[in-house]
Amino acid sequence: QKGYSFESGVSSGTFEPSNFSVNYYLTAMLFIVFDIEIVFLYPLAVNLDRLGTFGFIELCVFVAVLAIGYVYIWRKGALEWR
């Protein structure tokens, strides 16, 4: 039919974007944040013997901040799928 737009083999009048729940995106963002924190934690754990006491204290502070963040999002209900 002439006069109608046609893109990617799908008529533009029949295409509806798929709807994802906001909880899906929130869970994905939280996963990325905590995954990146684990990536930063790995080099500290591997080189802990070279870093000494200061490295151990830094590691403990980092894990404490990570735990506080986890408890915060848990209490806010961000981990519940509604």
Protein backbone atom coordinates (compact mmCIF):
# COMPACT_ATOMS: atom_id res chain seq x y z
CA GLN A 1 0.00 0.00 0.00
CA LYS A 2 1.41 3.30 -1.00
CA GLY A 3 1.39 6.19 1.42
CA TYR A 4 2.10 4.11 4.55
CA SER A 5 5.42 4.02 6.31
CA PHE A 6 7.13 0.66 6.44
CA GLU A 7 10.21 -0.02 8.50
CA SER A 8 12.09 -3.24 9.24
CA GLY A 9 9.40 -5.37 7.69
CA VAL A 10 6.80 -4.31 10.26
CA SER A 11 3.97 -1.96 9.52
CA SER A 12 4.25 1.08 11.78
CA GLY A 13 0.58 0.93 12.69
CA THR A 14 0.78 -2.55 14.19
CA PHE A 15 4.05 -2.29 16.10
CA GLU A 16 3.82 -1.75 19.83
CA PRO A 17 6.98 -1.56 21.89
CA SER A 18 7.26 -4.26 24.51
CA ASN A 19 6.61 -3.07 28.01
CA PHE A 20 9.08 -3.94 30.73
CA SER A 21 8.30 -3.47 34.36
CA VAL A 22 10.12 -0.71 36.22
CA ASN A 23 11.18 -3.40 38.68
CA TYR A 24 13.10 -5.11 35.89
CA TYR A 25 15.17 -1.98 35.25
CA LEU A 26 15.65 -1.34 38.97
CA THR A 27 16.89 -4.89 39.52
CA ALA A 28 19.23 -4.57 36.54
CA MET A 29 20.67 -1.28 37.81
CA LEU A 30 21.19 -2.68 41.31
CA PHE A 31 22.90 -5.73 39.84
CA ILE A 32 25.25 -3.54 37.82
CA VAL A 33 26.11 -1.35 40.82
CA PHE A 34 26.89 -4.29 43.10
CA ASP A 35 28.70 -6.14 40.31
CA ILE A 36 31.00 -3.16 39.75
CA GLU A 37 31.68 -2.99 43.48
CA ILE A 38 32.70 -6.64 43.44
CA VAL A 39 35.06 -5.90 40.54
CA PHE A 40 36.71 -3.22 42.69
CA LEU A 41 36.85 -5.58 45.66
CA TYR A 42 38.70 -8.36 43.83
CA PRO A 43 42.09 -6.57 43.41
CA LEU A 44 42.04 -5.56 47.07
CA ALA A 45 41.47 -9.14 48.15
CA VAL A 46 44.20 -10.50 45.86
CA ASN A 47 46.82 -7.97 47.03
CA LEU A 48 45.82 -7.90 50.68
CA ASP A 49 49.13 -9.37 51.87
CA ARG A 50 51.08 -6.58 50.13
CA LEU A 51 48.80 -3.82 51.39
CA GLY A 52 49.20 -4.71 55.06
CA THR A 53 47.11 -3.23 57.85
CA PHE A 54 46.04 -0.18 55.87
CA GLY A 55 44.79 -2.41 53.06
CA PHE A 56 42.85 -4.55 55.51
CA ILE A 57 41.20 -1.48 57.06
CA GLU A 58 40.39 -0.15 53.59
CA LEU A 59 38.89 -3.51 52.65
CA CYS A 60 36.77 -3.55 55.81
CA VAL A 61 35.51 -0.01 55.18
CA PHE A 62 34.66 -0.90 51.58
CA VAL A 63 32.74 -4.02 52.63
CA ALA A 64 30.95 -2.01 55.35
CA VAL A 65 29.83 0.61 52.83
CA LEU A 66 28.69 -2.17 50.50
CA ALA A 67 26.73 -3.82 53.32
CA ILE A 68 25.15 -0.52 54.38
CA GLY A 69 24.05 0.09 50.80
CA TYR A 70 22.59 -3.39 50.54
CA VAL A 71 20.67 -3.02 53.82
CA TYR A 72 19.41 0.39 52.71
CA ILE A 73 17.94 -0.87 49.44
CA TRP A 74 16.57 -3.93 51.23
CA ARG A 75 14.76 -1.76 53.81
CA LYS A 76 13.44 0.56 51.08
CA GLY A 77 11.84 -2.48 49.42
CA ALA A 78 13.78 -2.17 46.18
CA LEU A 79 14.49 -5.90 46.15
CA GLU A 80 10.80 -6.88 46.28
CA TRP A 81 9.14 -7.67 42.99
CA ARG A 82 5.74 -5.93 42.96
